């Protein structure tokens, strides 16, 4: 089943990609300029280290 909202987002993303001929640097620069022009506060969080889960801690093999 196709979601019409997802399809619309994909359509606009492809149009944006074609506008810059797939140049990722140009696409990112354009998105940054749109973000800056929006006037919204930009929040940058420090990357966090994920907590190990019980399942992943049980799989650890001893070194040696």
N, C-alpha and C. Protein backbone atom coordinates (compact mmCIF):
# COMPACT_ATOMS: atom_id res chain seq x y z
N UNK A 1 0.84 -1.18 0.00
CA UNK A 1 0.00 0.00 0.00
C UNK A 1 0.88 1.24 0.00
N UNK A 2 0.62 2.14 -0.91
CA UNK A 2 1.40 3.37 -1.00
C UNK A 2 0.77 4.45 -0.14
N UNK A 3 1.62 5.16 0.58
CA UNK A 3 1.17 6.25 1.43
C UNK A 3 1.27 7.54 0.60
N UNK A 4 0.16 8.27 0.41
CA UNK A 4 0.21 9.47 -0.43
C UNK A 4 1.13 10.55 0.12
N UNK A 5 1.28 10.63 1.42
CA UNK A 5 2.17 11.63 2.01
C UNK A 5 3.62 11.29 1.70
N UNK A 6 3.97 10.02 1.85
CA UNK A 6 5.33 9.58 1.54
C UNK A 6 5.62 9.80 0.06
N UNK A 7 4.67 9.48 -0.79
CA UNK A 7 4.85 9.68 -2.23
C UNK A 7 5.07 11.15 -2.56
N UNK A 8 4.34 12.04 -1.91
CA UNK A 8 4.50 13.47 -2.16
C UNK A 8 5.87 13.96 -1.71
N UNK A 9 6.32 13.49 -0.54
CA UNK A 9 7.65 13.87 -0.05
C UNK A 9 8.73 13.39 -1.03
N UNK A 10 8.60 12.16 -1.49
CA UNK A 10 9.57 11.62 -2.45
C UNK A 10 9.58 12.42 -3.75
N UNK A 11 8.40 12.83 -4.20
CA UNK A 11 8.29 13.62 -5.43
C UNK A 11 9.05 14.93 -5.28
N UNK A 12 8.82 15.63 -4.17
CA UNK A 12 9.50 16.91 -3.95
C UNK A 12 11.00 16.73 -3.76
N UNK A 13 11.38 15.65 -3.09
CA UNK A 13 12.82 15.37 -2.92
C UNK A 13 13.49 15.13 -4.26
N UNK A 14 12.84 14.38 -5.14
CA UNK A 14 13.41 14.13 -6.47
C UNK A 14 13.49 15.40 -7.29
N UNK A 15 12.49 16.27 -7.20
CA UNK A 15 12.53 17.55 -7.91
C UNK A 15 13.71 18.39 -7.42
N UNK A 16 13.92 18.39 -6.12
CA UNK A 16 15.03 19.15 -5.53
C UNK A 16 16.36 18.57 -5.99
N UNK A 17 16.45 17.25 -6.05
CA UNK A 17 17.67 16.57 -6.50
C UNK A 17 17.96 16.91 -7.96
N UNK A 18 16.93 16.88 -8.80
CA UNK A 18 17.11 17.21 -10.22
C UNK A 18 17.55 18.65 -10.41
N UNK A 19 17.03 19.55 -9.58
CA UNK A 19 17.37 20.97 -9.67
C UNK A 19 18.89 21.17 -9.55
N UNK A 20 19.54 20.35 -8.74
CA UNK A 20 20.98 20.46 -8.52
C UNK A 20 21.75 19.32 -9.19
N UNK A 21 21.07 18.63 -10.10
CA UNK A 21 21.68 17.53 -10.88
C UNK A 21 22.39 16.51 -10.00
N UNK A 22 21.82 16.25 -8.83
CA UNK A 22 22.35 15.23 -7.93
C UNK A 22 23.61 15.63 -7.18
N UNK A 23 24.01 16.88 -7.27
CA UNK A 23 25.21 17.37 -6.57
C UNK A 23 24.90 17.51 -5.09
N UNK A 24 25.35 16.55 -4.29
CA UNK A 24 25.02 16.51 -2.87
C UNK A 24 25.49 17.74 -2.12
N UNK A 25 26.65 18.26 -2.46
CA UNK A 25 27.15 19.47 -1.80
C UNK A 25 26.23 20.66 -2.06
N UNK A 26 25.78 20.79 -3.30
CA UNK A 26 24.87 21.89 -3.66
C UNK A 26 23.51 21.71 -3.00
N UNK A 27 23.03 20.48 -2.93
CA UNK A 27 21.74 20.20 -2.28
C UNK A 27 21.82 20.58 -0.80
N UNK A 28 22.88 20.15 -0.13
CA UNK A 28 23.03 20.44 1.30
C UNK A 28 23.19 21.94 1.55
N UNK A 29 23.94 22.62 0.70
CA UNK A 29 24.11 24.07 0.84
C UNK A 29 22.77 24.78 0.69
N UNK A 30 21.96 24.33 -0.27
CA UNK A 30 20.64 24.93 -0.47
C UNK A 30 19.74 24.69 0.74
N UNK A 31 19.75 23.46 1.26
CA UNK A 31 18.93 23.15 2.44
C UNK A 31 19.37 23.97 3.65
N UNK A 32 20.70 24.16 3.80
CA UNK A 32 21.19 24.99 4.91
C UNK A 32 20.73 26.44 4.77
N UNK A 33 20.75 26.96 3.54
CA UNK A 33 20.32 28.34 3.34
C UNK A 33 18.82 28.48 3.60
N UNK A 34 18.03 27.48 3.23
CA UNK A 34 16.60 27.49 3.52
C UNK A 34 16.38 27.46 5.03
N UNK A 35 17.15 26.62 5.70
CA UNK A 35 17.04 26.50 7.16
C UNK A 35 17.38 27.83 7.84
N UNK A 36 18.45 28.47 7.41
CA UNK A 36 18.87 29.75 8.00
C UNK A 36 17.81 30.83 7.73
N UNK A 37 17.29 30.85 6.52
CA UNK A 37 16.29 31.87 6.14
C UNK A 37 14.96 31.68 6.87
N UNK A 38 14.71 30.48 7.39
CA UNK A 38 13.43 30.21 8.05
C UNK A 38 13.26 31.02 9.32
N UNK A 39 14.39 31.40 9.95
CA UNK A 39 14.30 32.16 11.19
C UNK A 39 14.07 31.30 12.42
N UNK A 40 13.93 30.00 12.24
CA UNK A 40 13.73 29.11 13.38
C UNK A 40 15.06 28.89 14.11
N UNK A 41 14.98 28.67 15.39
CA UNK A 41 16.17 28.39 16.18
C UNK A 41 16.74 27.03 15.75
N UNK A 42 18.03 27.00 15.51
CA UNK A 42 18.69 25.77 15.10
C UNK A 42 19.37 25.18 16.32
N UNK A 43 19.04 23.95 16.65
CA UNK A 43 19.58 23.28 17.83
C UNK A 43 20.56 22.22 17.38
N UNK A 44 21.74 22.26 17.93
CA UNK A 44 22.74 21.24 17.63
C UNK A 44 23.12 20.57 18.95
N UNK A 45 22.85 19.30 19.04
CA UNK A 45 23.16 18.55 20.25
C UNK A 45 24.45 17.76 20.05
N UNK A 46 25.18 17.60 21.14
CA UNK A 46 26.39 16.79 21.08
C UNK A 46 25.98 15.33 20.85
N UNK A 47 26.73 14.61 20.05
CA UNK A 47 26.39 13.20 19.84
C UNK A 47 26.48 12.43 21.14
N UNK A 48 25.54 11.56 21.35
CA UNK A 48 25.53 10.75 22.57
C UNK A 48 25.98 9.34 22.28
N UNK A 49 26.52 8.72 23.29
CA UNK A 49 26.96 7.33 23.16
C UNK A 49 25.78 6.43 23.54
N UNK A 50 25.39 5.52 22.66
CA UNK A 50 24.25 4.67 22.98
C UNK A 50 24.55 3.74 24.15
N UNK A 51 23.54 3.53 24.97
CA UNK A 51 23.69 2.62 26.11
C UNK A 51 23.62 1.19 25.60
N UNK A 52 24.48 0.32 26.12
CA UNK A 52 24.41 -1.08 25.69
C UNK A 52 23.12 -1.72 26.20
N UNK A 53 22.56 -2.59 25.39
CA UNK A 53 21.36 -3.31 25.80
C UNK A 53 21.76 -4.61 26.47
N UNK A 54 20.84 -5.22 27.16
CA UNK A 54 21.14 -6.49 27.81
C UNK A 54 21.54 -7.54 26.79
N UNK A 55 20.87 -7.56 25.65
CA UNK A 55 21.17 -8.56 24.62
C UNK A 55 22.58 -8.37 24.08
N UNK A 56 22.99 -7.12 23.85
CA UNK A 56 24.32 -6.90 23.29
C UNK A 56 25.41 -7.17 24.32
N UNK A 57 25.12 -6.95 25.61
CA UNK A 57 26.15 -7.20 26.62
C UNK A 57 26.34 -8.70 26.84
N UNK A 58 25.31 -9.50 26.56
CA UNK A 58 25.45 -10.96 26.70
C UNK A 58 26.26 -11.55 25.57
N UNK A 59 26.30 -10.88 24.42
CA UNK A 59 27.00 -11.41 23.25
C UNK A 59 28.49 -11.12 23.27
N UNK A 60 28.96 -10.32 24.19
CA UNK A 60 30.37 -9.96 24.20
C UNK A 60 31.23 -11.22 24.43
N UNK A 61 32.25 -11.32 23.63
CA UNK A 61 33.16 -12.45 23.77
C UNK A 61 34.37 -11.96 24.55
N UNK A 62 34.89 -12.78 25.43
CA UNK A 62 36.08 -12.36 26.19
C UNK A 62 37.28 -12.22 25.27
N UNK A 63 38.09 -11.22 25.56
CA UNK A 63 39.32 -11.04 24.76
C UNK A 63 40.39 -11.97 25.28
N UNK A 64 41.24 -12.37 24.35
CA UNK A 64 42.38 -13.14 24.82
C UNK A 64 42.60 -14.36 24.11
